Amino acid sequence: MGSEKSPRNRVAMLLAGLPLLVVPGLASAAPAAPAGAQSTSILRNAHSGKCLEIGFSGTADFNVANQFACHSRNNQKWTIEPIGSEGYNLIKNVHSGKCLEIGFGGTADFNVANQWACHGGNYQRWIIRSATGGVTIRNQQSGKCLEIGFSGTADFNVANQFTCHTGNNQKWLFV
């Protein structure tokens, strides 16, 4: 009774050590970054199908985040790094090593997203939440969501923040 070596406990221990079975065709791009673990992903906008990047592979502070046709180079790759215990993350560009932020900590709709040397301030912290059709990425400082403004679909349309709503221009897919 309750023995660690009982058949039931041995089966449970064996199953716990097995990798998850993935059936081809049923797996898809994960809608959310793994909780509590650093991961690197490409962020594709659910409306335009284009990827978030730092344009022209810029490495300077204030280089603007925009969307562009997905190509998988490092300026479109982002490391999601948990910070603190409240579910917030830093979103670092792999090419530049700088963090996605809302410039000057602005809180107004349409304030532009750019990169800056990482310091972990509230305007560099983002919470990623599951939503129908993707995830939303909400800024801690403003409480507003990262989007492609005016539901734009062209290359170089700028990423900005806006009051959170259910539009696909505020939804992102990790690919």
N, C-alpha and C. Protein backbone atom coordinates (compact mmCIF):
# COMPACT_ATOMS: atom_id res chain seq x y z
N MET A 1 0.84 -1.18 0.00
CA MET A 1 0.00 0.00 0.00
C MET A 1 0.88 1.23 0.00
N GLY A 2 0.83 2.03 -1.05
CA GLY A 2 1.59 3.27 -1.12
C GLY A 2 3.07 3.07 -1.34
N SER A 3 3.53 1.84 -1.62
CA SER A 3 4.95 1.59 -1.81
C SER A 3 5.45 2.28 -3.08
N GLU A 4 6.67 2.84 -2.99
CA GLU A 4 7.25 3.50 -4.15
C GLU A 4 7.52 2.51 -5.27
N LYS A 5 7.63 1.22 -4.94
CA LYS A 5 7.96 0.22 -5.95
C LYS A 5 6.74 -0.56 -6.41
N SER A 6 5.55 -0.10 -6.09
CA SER A 6 4.35 -0.79 -6.55
C SER A 6 4.26 -0.68 -8.07
N PRO A 7 3.58 -1.64 -8.74
CA PRO A 7 3.46 -1.57 -10.20
C PRO A 7 2.85 -0.25 -10.68
N ARG A 8 1.87 0.26 -9.97
CA ARG A 8 1.23 1.51 -10.38
C ARG A 8 2.24 2.66 -10.37
N ASN A 9 3.04 2.76 -9.30
CA ASN A 9 4.03 3.84 -9.21
C ASN A 9 5.14 3.68 -10.24
N ARG A 10 5.55 2.42 -10.53
CA ARG A 10 6.58 2.20 -11.55
C ARG A 10 6.08 2.64 -12.93
N VAL A 11 4.83 2.34 -13.25
CA VAL A 11 4.26 2.76 -14.54
C VAL A 11 4.18 4.28 -14.61
N ALA A 12 3.75 4.90 -13.52
CA ALA A 12 3.66 6.37 -13.50
C ALA A 12 5.03 7.00 -13.70
N MET A 13 6.06 6.44 -13.04
CA MET A 13 7.41 6.98 -13.20
C MET A 13 7.91 6.78 -14.63
N LEU A 14 7.62 5.63 -15.23
CA LEU A 14 8.02 5.36 -16.60
C LEU A 14 7.35 6.34 -17.56
N LEU A 15 6.05 6.54 -17.42
CA LEU A 15 5.33 7.45 -18.30
C LEU A 15 5.80 8.88 -18.14
N ALA A 16 6.15 9.27 -16.93
CA ALA A 16 6.62 10.64 -16.69
C ALA A 16 7.94 10.91 -17.42
N GLY A 17 8.74 9.87 -17.64
CA GLY A 17 10.02 10.04 -18.29
C GLY A 17 9.98 9.96 -19.80
N LEU A 18 8.84 9.59 -20.37
CA LEU A 18 8.73 9.47 -21.82
C LEU A 18 8.45 10.81 -22.47
N PRO A 19 9.01 11.05 -23.67
CA PRO A 19 8.67 12.30 -24.38
C PRO A 19 7.23 12.25 -24.84
N LEU A 20 6.66 13.41 -25.09
CA LEU A 20 5.29 13.49 -25.59
C LEU A 20 5.22 12.96 -27.01
N LEU A 21 4.17 12.26 -27.32
CA LEU A 21 3.94 11.75 -28.67
C LEU A 21 3.36 12.87 -29.52
N VAL A 22 3.99 13.12 -30.66
CA VAL A 22 3.50 14.13 -31.59
C VAL A 22 3.04 13.42 -32.85
N VAL A 23 1.81 13.61 -33.22
CA VAL A 23 1.26 12.99 -34.41
C VAL A 23 1.45 13.96 -35.58
N PRO A 24 2.14 13.53 -36.65
CA PRO A 24 2.32 14.43 -37.80
C PRO A 24 0.98 14.93 -38.32
N GLY A 25 0.96 16.20 -38.69
CA GLY A 25 -0.27 16.79 -39.21
C GLY A 25 -1.12 17.43 -38.13
N LEU A 26 -0.93 17.02 -36.87
CA LEU A 26 -1.71 17.61 -35.79
C LEU A 26 -0.95 18.72 -35.09
N ALA A 27 0.36 18.74 -35.25
CA ALA A 27 1.15 19.78 -34.60
C ALA A 27 1.09 21.05 -35.46
N SER A 28 1.08 22.20 -34.80
CA SER A 28 1.08 23.48 -35.52
C SER A 28 1.95 24.45 -34.75
N ALA A 29 2.15 25.62 -35.32
CA ALA A 29 2.94 26.64 -34.65
C ALA A 29 2.33 26.93 -33.29
N ALA A 30 3.15 26.93 -32.28
CA ALA A 30 2.66 27.16 -30.92
C ALA A 30 2.11 28.57 -30.81
N PRO A 31 0.94 28.74 -30.22
CA PRO A 31 0.37 30.07 -30.11
C PRO A 31 1.03 30.92 -29.05
N ALA A 32 1.69 30.33 -28.10
CA ALA A 32 2.28 31.12 -27.02
C ALA A 32 3.68 30.60 -26.72
N ALA A 33 4.52 31.50 -26.24
CA ALA A 33 5.86 31.11 -25.84
C ALA A 33 5.76 30.26 -24.59
N PRO A 34 6.72 29.35 -24.39
CA PRO A 34 6.69 28.52 -23.20
C PRO A 34 6.77 29.39 -21.95
N ALA A 35 5.93 29.09 -20.98
CA ALA A 35 5.90 29.86 -19.74
C ALA A 35 7.15 29.56 -18.92
N GLY A 36 7.80 30.60 -18.44
CA GLY A 36 8.91 30.44 -17.53
C GLY A 36 10.21 29.98 -18.15
N ALA A 37 10.30 29.85 -19.46
CA ALA A 37 11.51 29.41 -20.11
C ALA A 37 11.87 30.37 -21.23
N GLN A 38 13.17 30.64 -21.37
CA GLN A 38 13.61 31.50 -22.47
C GLN A 38 13.45 30.74 -23.78
N SER A 39 12.96 31.41 -24.80
CA SER A 39 12.79 30.77 -26.10
C SER A 39 13.05 31.79 -27.20
N THR A 40 13.40 31.31 -28.38
CA THR A 40 13.62 32.18 -29.53
C THR A 40 12.60 31.84 -30.60
N SER A 41 11.94 32.87 -31.12
CA SER A 41 10.86 32.67 -32.08
C SER A 41 10.84 33.80 -33.10
N ILE A 42 10.08 33.56 -34.14
CA ILE A 42 9.71 34.59 -35.09
C ILE A 42 8.27 34.95 -34.78
N LEU A 43 7.94 36.23 -34.76
CA LEU A 43 6.59 36.70 -34.45
C LEU A 43 5.90 37.12 -35.74
N ARG A 44 4.88 36.37 -36.13
CA ARG A 44 4.14 36.67 -37.36
C ARG A 44 2.80 37.30 -37.00
N ASN A 45 2.48 38.41 -37.63
CA ASN A 45 1.21 39.09 -37.37
C ASN A 45 0.07 38.28 -37.99
N ALA A 46 -0.98 38.04 -37.21
CA ALA A 46 -2.10 37.21 -37.66
C ALA A 46 -2.88 37.87 -38.79
N HIS A 47 -2.88 39.19 -38.87
CA HIS A 47 -3.64 39.87 -39.92
C HIS A 47 -2.88 39.90 -41.25
N SER A 48 -1.65 40.37 -41.20
CA SER A 48 -0.89 40.57 -42.44
C SER A 48 -0.12 39.33 -42.88
N GLY A 49 0.18 38.45 -41.93
CA GLY A 49 1.01 37.29 -42.24
C GLY A 49 2.48 37.64 -42.35
N LYS A 50 2.84 38.89 -42.03
CA LYS A 50 4.23 39.33 -42.10
C LYS A 50 4.86 39.28 -40.71
N CYS A 51 6.18 39.33 -40.69
CA CYS A 51 6.92 39.11 -39.45
C CYS A 51 7.46 40.41 -38.86
N LEU A 52 7.49 40.44 -37.53
CA LEU A 52 8.03 41.58 -36.80
C LEU A 52 9.55 41.56 -36.93
N GLU A 53 10.12 42.72 -37.22
CA GLU A 53 11.57 42.81 -37.36
C GLU A 53 12.05 44.20 -36.97
N ILE A 54 13.36 44.32 -36.86
CA ILE A 54 14.00 45.63 -36.81
C ILE A 54 14.47 45.87 -38.24
N GLY A 55 13.89 46.89 -38.87
CA GLY A 55 14.11 47.14 -40.29
C GLY A 55 15.57 47.34 -40.65
N PHE A 56 15.94 46.83 -41.82
CA PHE A 56 17.28 46.96 -42.39
C PHE A 56 18.36 46.40 -41.46
N SER A 57 17.96 45.48 -40.58
CA SER A 57 18.89 44.85 -39.63
C SER A 57 19.62 45.88 -38.78
N GLY A 58 18.93 46.96 -38.44
CA GLY A 58 19.53 48.02 -37.63
C GLY A 58 19.94 47.54 -36.25
N THR A 59 20.98 48.15 -35.72
CA THR A 59 21.46 47.80 -34.38
C THR A 59 21.47 48.99 -33.43
N ALA A 60 21.08 50.15 -33.90
CA ALA A 60 21.12 51.36 -33.07
C ALA A 60 19.88 51.45 -32.17
N ASP A 61 20.05 52.13 -31.03
CA ASP A 61 18.91 52.47 -30.20
C ASP A 61 17.94 53.30 -31.04
N PHE A 62 16.66 53.14 -30.78
CA PHE A 62 15.56 53.83 -31.46
C PHE A 62 15.24 53.27 -32.85
N ASN A 63 15.99 52.28 -33.36
CA ASN A 63 15.57 51.68 -34.63
C ASN A 63 14.17 51.12 -34.43
N VAL A 64 13.30 51.41 -35.38
CA VAL A 64 11.88 51.11 -35.27
C VAL A 64 11.60 49.64 -35.61
N ALA A 65 10.63 49.07 -34.90
CA ALA A 65 10.13 47.73 -35.22
C ALA A 65 9.04 47.88 -36.28
N ASN A 66 9.11 47.03 -37.29
CA ASN A 66 8.11 47.06 -38.36
C ASN A 66 7.82 45.62 -38.79
N GLN A 67 6.91 45.48 -39.73
CA GLN A 67 6.65 44.16 -40.31
C GLN A 67 7.29 44.09 -41.69
N PHE A 68 7.62 42.88 -42.08
CA PHE A 68 8.21 42.65 -43.39
C PHE A 68 7.94 41.19 -43.76
N ALA A 69 7.97 40.88 -45.05
CA ALA A 69 7.79 39.49 -45.49
C ALA A 69 8.75 38.59 -44.71
N CYS A 70 8.25 37.49 -44.22
CA CYS A 70 9.05 36.60 -43.37
C CYS A 70 10.19 35.99 -44.16
N HIS A 71 11.40 36.04 -43.58
CA HIS A 71 12.58 35.49 -44.23
C HIS A 71 13.49 34.75 -43.27
N SER A 72 13.24 34.80 -41.99
CA SER A 72 13.94 34.01 -40.97
C SER A 72 15.37 34.44 -40.69
N ARG A 73 15.78 35.63 -41.12
CA ARG A 73 17.10 36.11 -40.72
C ARG A 73 17.01 36.65 -39.29
N ASN A 74 18.15 36.88 -38.68
CA ASN A 74 18.18 37.20 -37.25
C ASN A 74 17.47 38.49 -36.87
N ASN A 75 17.30 39.44 -37.79
CA ASN A 75 16.58 40.66 -37.42
C ASN A 75 15.08 40.40 -37.27
N GLN A 76 14.61 39.19 -37.65
CA GLN A 76 13.22 38.79 -37.43
C GLN A 76 13.09 37.77 -36.30
N LYS A 77 14.17 37.45 -35.65
CA LYS A 77 14.12 36.48 -34.55
C LYS A 77 14.16 37.23 -33.22
N TRP A 78 13.36 36.73 -32.30
CA TRP A 78 13.20 37.37 -31.00
C TRP A 78 13.35 36.34 -29.88
N THR A 79 14.11 36.71 -28.87
CA THR A 79 14.23 35.87 -27.69
C THR A 79 13.25 36.38 -26.65
N ILE A 80 12.41 35.49 -26.18
CA ILE A 80 11.43 35.81 -25.14
C ILE A 80 12.06 35.39 -23.82
N GLU A 81 12.35 36.37 -22.97
CA GLU A 81 13.07 36.13 -21.72
C GLU A 81 12.21 36.54 -20.53
N PRO A 82 11.75 35.56 -19.75
CA PRO A 82 10.94 35.90 -18.57
C PRO A 82 11.72 36.81 -17.62
N ILE A 83 11.00 37.77 -17.03
CA ILE A 83 11.61 38.69 -16.07
C ILE A 83 10.65 38.85 -14.90
N GLY A 84 11.14 38.62 -13.71
CA GLY A 84 10.30 38.74 -12.53
C GLY A 84 9.35 37.56 -12.40
N SER A 85 8.43 37.67 -11.45
CA SER A 85 7.52 36.57 -11.16
C SER A 85 6.08 36.86 -11.56
N GLU A 86 5.84 37.95 -12.27
CA GLU A 86 4.47 38.34 -12.59
C GLU A 86 4.07 37.99 -14.02
N GLY A 87 4.87 37.21 -14.72
CA GLY A 87 4.52 36.78 -16.07
C GLY A 87 5.01 37.69 -17.18
N TYR A 88 5.79 38.70 -16.85
CA TYR A 88 6.29 39.62 -17.88
C TYR A 88 7.56 39.07 -18.52
N ASN A 89 7.84 39.57 -19.72
CA ASN A 89 8.99 39.12 -20.50
C ASN A 89 9.69 40.30 -21.14
N LEU A 90 11.00 40.14 -21.35
CA LEU A 90 11.73 41.01 -22.25
C LEU A 90 11.68 40.33 -23.61
N ILE A 91 11.54 41.10 -24.67
CA ILE A 91 11.53 40.57 -26.02
C ILE A 91 12.76 41.16 -26.72
N LYS A 92 13.81 40.31 -26.88
CA LYS A 92 15.10 40.77 -27.40
C LYS A 92 15.28 40.37 -28.85
N ASN A 93 15.73 41.32 -29.66
CA ASN A 93 16.03 41.03 -31.05
C ASN A 93 17.34 40.24 -31.11
N VAL A 94 17.35 39.11 -31.80
CA VAL A 94 18.53 38.26 -31.86
C VAL A 94 19.68 38.98 -32.56
N HIS A 95 19.42 39.72 -33.63
CA HIS A 95 20.49 40.38 -34.38
C HIS A 95 21.16 41.48 -33.56
N SER A 96 20.38 42.34 -32.95
CA SER A 96 20.96 43.50 -32.25
C SER A 96 21.22 43.23 -30.77
N GLY A 97 20.52 42.27 -30.19
CA GLY A 97 20.62 42.03 -28.75
C GLY A 97 19.89 43.06 -27.92
N LYS A 98 19.11 43.93 -28.57
CA LYS A 98 18.39 44.99 -27.86
C LYS A 98 16.94 44.60 -27.65
N CYS A 99 16.29 45.30 -26.73
CA CYS A 99 14.93 44.95 -26.32
C CYS A 99 13.87 45.78 -27.02
N LEU A 100 12.76 45.13 -27.29
CA LEU A 100 11.58 45.81 -27.83
C LEU A 100 10.98 46.66 -26.73
N GLU A 101 10.65 47.90 -27.05
CA GLU A 101 10.06 48.80 -26.06
C GLU A 101 9.14 49.78 -26.75
N ILE A 102 8.40 50.51 -25.94
CA ILE A 102 7.65 51.66 -26.42
C ILE A 102 8.51 52.87 -26.07
N GLY A 103 8.94 53.59 -27.09
CA GLY A 103 9.89 54.69 -26.91
C GLY A 103 9.48 55.68 -25.84
N PHE A 104 10.44 56.04 -25.00
CA PHE A 104 10.29 57.02 -23.92
C PHE A 104 9.21 56.62 -22.92
N GLY A 105 8.78 55.35 -22.93
CA GLY A 105 7.76 54.91 -21.99
C GLY A 105 6.40 55.51 -22.26
N GLY A 106 6.16 55.92 -23.50
CA GLY A 106 4.88 56.54 -23.86
C GLY A 106 3.69 55.65 -23.58
N THR A 107 2.56 56.26 -23.29
CA THR A 107 1.35 55.50 -22.97
C THR A 107 0.20 55.79 -23.93
N ALA A 108 0.42 56.60 -24.94
CA ALA A 108 -0.66 56.97 -25.87
C ALA A 108 -0.82 55.91 -26.97
N ASP A 109 -2.03 55.82 -27.51
CA ASP A 109 -2.24 55.00 -28.69
C ASP A 109 -1.32 55.50 -29.80
N PHE A 110 -0.82 54.57 -30.59
CA PHE A 110 0.05 54.81 -31.74
C PHE A 110 1.49 55.15 -31.37
N ASN A 111 1.88 55.14 -30.07
CA ASN A 111 3.29 55.28 -29.76
C ASN A 111 4.02 54.10 -30.40
N VAL A 112 5.13 54.40 -31.05
CA VAL A 112 5.86 53.43 -31.87
C VAL A 112 6.71 52.51 -31.00
N ALA A 113 6.81 51.25 -31.45
CA ALA A 113 7.70 50.28 -30.82
C ALA A 113 9.07 50.39 -31.48
N ASN A 114 10.11 50.38 -30.67
CA ASN A 114 11.47 50.44 -31.18
C ASN A 114 12.34 49.54 -30.32
N GLN A 115 13.63 49.52 -30.63
CA GLN A 115 14.57 48.76 -29.81
C GLN A 115 15.46 49.71 -29.03
N TRP A 116 15.93 49.23 -27.89
CA TRP A 116 16.82 50.01 -27.04
C TRP A 116 17.62 49.03 -26.20
N ALA A 117 18.79 49.44 -25.76
CA ALA A 117 19.58 48.59 -24.87
C ALA A 117 18.71 48.11 -23.71
N CYS A 118 18.77 46.84 -23.42
CA CYS A 118 17.90 46.25 -22.39
C CYS A 118 18.24 46.78 -21.01
N HIS A 119 17.21 47.22 -20.29
CA HIS A 119 17.37 47.66 -18.90
C HIS A 119 16.25 47.13 -18.02
N GLY A 120 15.23 46.51 -18.61
CA GLY A 120 14.17 45.88 -17.83
C GLY A 120 13.13 46.82 -17.27
N GLY A 121 13.12 48.08 -17.72
CA GLY A 121 12.09 49.01 -17.26
C GLY A 121 10.70 48.56 -17.71
N ASN A 122 9.67 49.13 -17.09
CA ASN A 122 8.30 48.71 -17.37
C ASN A 122 7.92 48.83 -18.84
N TYR A 123 8.49 49.80 -19.57
CA TYR A 123 8.12 49.94 -20.97
C TYR A 123 8.88 48.98 -21.87
N GLN A 124 9.77 48.15 -21.29
CA GLN A 124 10.39 47.04 -22.02
C GLN A 124 9.80 45.70 -21.60
N ARG A 125 8.84 45.71 -20.71
CA ARG A 125 8.24 44.46 -20.22
C ARG A 125 6.92 44.21 -20.93
N TRP A 126 6.74 42.97 -21.33
CA TRP A 126 5.56 42.57 -22.10
C TRP A 126 4.95 41.32 -21.50
N ILE A 127 3.64 41.26 -21.47
CA ILE A 127 2.95 40.04 -21.05
C ILE A 127 2.30 39.43 -22.28
N ILE A 128 2.51 38.15 -22.45
CA ILE A 128 2.02 37.43 -23.62
C ILE A 128 0.86 36.55 -23.18
N ARG A 129 -0.29 36.75 -23.79
CA ARG A 129 -1.52 36.03 -23.40
C ARG A 129 -2.12 35.33 -24.61
N SER A 130 -2.59 34.12 -24.39
CA SER A 130 -3.31 33.39 -25.45
C SER A 130 -4.58 34.12 -25.82
N ALA A 131 -4.89 34.11 -27.09
CA ALA A 131 -6.12 34.71 -27.62
C ALA A 131 -6.56 33.86 -28.80
N THR A 132 -7.82 33.91 -29.13
CA THR A 132 -8.30 33.17 -30.29
C THR A 132 -7.53 33.63 -31.52
N GLY A 133 -6.86 32.72 -32.19
CA GLY A 133 -6.12 33.06 -33.40
C GLY A 133 -4.70 33.54 -33.17
N GLY A 134 -4.15 33.37 -31.98
CA GLY A 134 -2.77 33.77 -31.71
C GLY A 134 -2.57 34.17 -30.26
N VAL A 135 -1.69 35.14 -30.05
CA VAL A 135 -1.46 35.70 -28.72
C VAL A 135 -1.51 37.22 -28.82
N THR A 136 -1.75 37.86 -27.69
CA THR A 136 -1.59 39.31 -27.61
C THR A 136 -0.33 39.58 -26.81
N ILE A 137 0.30 40.71 -27.10
CA ILE A 137 1.53 41.12 -26.44
C ILE A 137 1.26 42.50 -25.85
N ARG A 138 1.11 42.55 -24.52
CA ARG A 138 0.69 43.78 -23.84
C ARG A 138 1.85 44.39 -23.07
N ASN A 139 2.05 45.69 -23.22
CA ASN A 139 3.11 46.42 -22.55
C ASN A 139 2.75 46.71 -21.10
N GLN A 140 3.68 46.47 -20.19
CA GLN A 140 3.40 46.70 -18.77
C GLN A 140 3.17 48.17 -18.46
N GLN A 141 3.98 49.05 -19.02
CA GLN A 141 3.89 50.48 -18.71
C GLN A 141 2.53 51.06 -19.08
N SER A 142 2.10 50.78 -20.30
CA SER A 142 0.88 51.41 -20.83
C SER A 142 -0.36 50.54 -20.70
N GLY A 143 -0.17 49.23 -20.59
CA GLY A 143 -1.31 48.31 -20.61
C GLY A 143 -1.90 48.15 -22.00
N LYS A 144 -1.21 48.66 -23.03
CA LYS A 144 -1.71 48.59 -24.41
C LYS A 144 -1.01 47.47 -25.17
N CYS A 145 -1.62 47.07 -26.28
CA CYS A 145 -1.15 45.91 -27.03
C CYS A 145 -0.32 46.30 -28.25
N LEU A 146 0.66 45.45 -28.53
CA LEU A 146 1.49 45.61 -29.72
C LEU A 146 0.66 45.26 -30.95
N GLU A 147 0.73 46.10 -31.97
CA GLU A 147 -0.04 45.86 -33.19
C GLU A 147 0.70 46.43 -34.39
N ILE A 148 0.17 46.10 -35.56
CA ILE A 148 0.54 46.80 -36.78
C ILE A 148 -0.57 47.81 -37.01
N GLY A 149 -0.21 49.09 -36.94
CA GLY A 149 -1.20 50.17 -36.97
C GLY A 149 -2.08 50.16 -38.21
N PHE A 150 -3.32 50.52 -37.99
CA PHE A 150 -4.32 50.65 -39.06
C PHE A 150 -4.50 49.36 -39.86
N SER A 151 -4.16 48.22 -39.23
CA SER A 151 -4.27 46.91 -39.89
C SER A 151 -3.51 46.86 -41.21
N GLY A 152 -2.38 47.56 -41.27
CA GLY A 152 -1.58 47.61 -42.49
C GLY A 152 -1.06 46.24 -42.90
N THR A 153 -0.88 46.06 -44.19
CA THR A 153 -0.37 44.80 -44.71
C THR A 153 0.91 44.96 -45.53
N ALA A 154 1.40 46.17 -45.68
CA ALA A 154 2.59 46.42 -46.50
C ALA A 154 3.87 46.19 -45.71
N ASP A 155 4.93 45.82 -46.42
CA ASP A 155 6.25 45.78 -45.80
C ASP A 155 6.56 47.15 -45.22
N PHE A 156 7.25 47.17 -44.11
CA PHE A 156 7.69 48.36 -43.39
C PHE A 156 6.57 49.09 -42.64
N ASN A 157 5.33 48.57 -42.63
CA ASN A 157 4.33 49.16 -41.73
C ASN A 157 4.86 49.03 -40.31
N VAL A 158 4.76 50.11 -39.57
CA VAL A 158 5.37 50.21 -38.24
C VAL A 158 4.53 49.49 -37.19
N ALA A 159 5.23 48.89 -36.23
CA ALA A 159 4.58 48.31 -35.06
C ALA A 159 4.41 49.42 -34.02
N ASN A 160 3.24 49.46 -33.41
CA ASN A 160 2.97 50.46 -32.38
C ASN A 160 2.10 49.82 -31.30
N GLN A 161 1.76 50.61 -30.29
CA GLN A 161 0.83 50.13 -29.27
C GLN A 161 -0.51 50.80 -29.48
N PHE A 162 -1.55 50.10 -29.05
CA PHE A 162 -2.91 50.65 -29.15
C PHE A 162 -3.75 49.96 -28.09
N THR A 163 -4.81 50.64 -27.65
CA THR A 163 -5.74 50.04 -26.70
C THR A 163 -6.10 48.64 -27.18
N CYS A 164 -6.01 47.66 -26.29
CA CYS A 164 -6.24 46.26 -26.67
C CYS A 164 -7.68 46.05 -27.13
N HIS A 165 -7.82 45.28 -28.22
CA HIS A 165 -9.12 44.91 -28.78
C HIS A 165 -8.98 43.51 -29.36
N THR A 166 -9.93 43.04 -30.10
CA THR A 166 -9.89 41.66 -30.60
C THR A 166 -9.46 41.54 -32.06
N GLY A 167 -8.98 42.62 -32.66
CA GLY A 167 -8.57 42.58 -34.06
C GLY A 167 -7.32 41.74 -34.29
N ASN A 168 -7.25 41.12 -35.46
CA ASN A 168 -6.10 40.28 -35.79
C ASN A 168 -4.81 41.06 -35.95
N ASN A 169 -4.88 42.38 -36.16
CA ASN A 169 -3.64 43.15 -36.25
C ASN A 169 -2.92 43.25 -34.90
N GLN A 170 -3.61 42.84 -33.81
CA GLN A 170 -2.99 42.77 -32.48
C GLN A 170 -2.69 41.34 -32.06
N LYS A 171 -2.84 40.41 -32.96
CA LYS A 171 -2.56 39.01 -32.64
C LYS A 171 -1.30 38.56 -33.36
N TRP A 172 -0.54 37.75 -32.65
CA TRP A 172 0.77 37.31 -33.14
C TRP A 172 0.85 35.80 -33.02
N LEU A 173 1.62 35.20 -33.91
CA LEU A 173 1.87 33.76 -33.90
C LEU A 173 3.36 33.53 -33.74
N PHE A 174 3.73 32.59 -32.87
CA PHE A 174 5.13 32.20 -32.73
C PHE A 174 5.40 31.12 -33.77
N VAL A 175 6.34 31.39 -34.68
CA VAL A 175 6.64 30.42 -35.74
C VAL A 175 8.13 30.10 -35.74
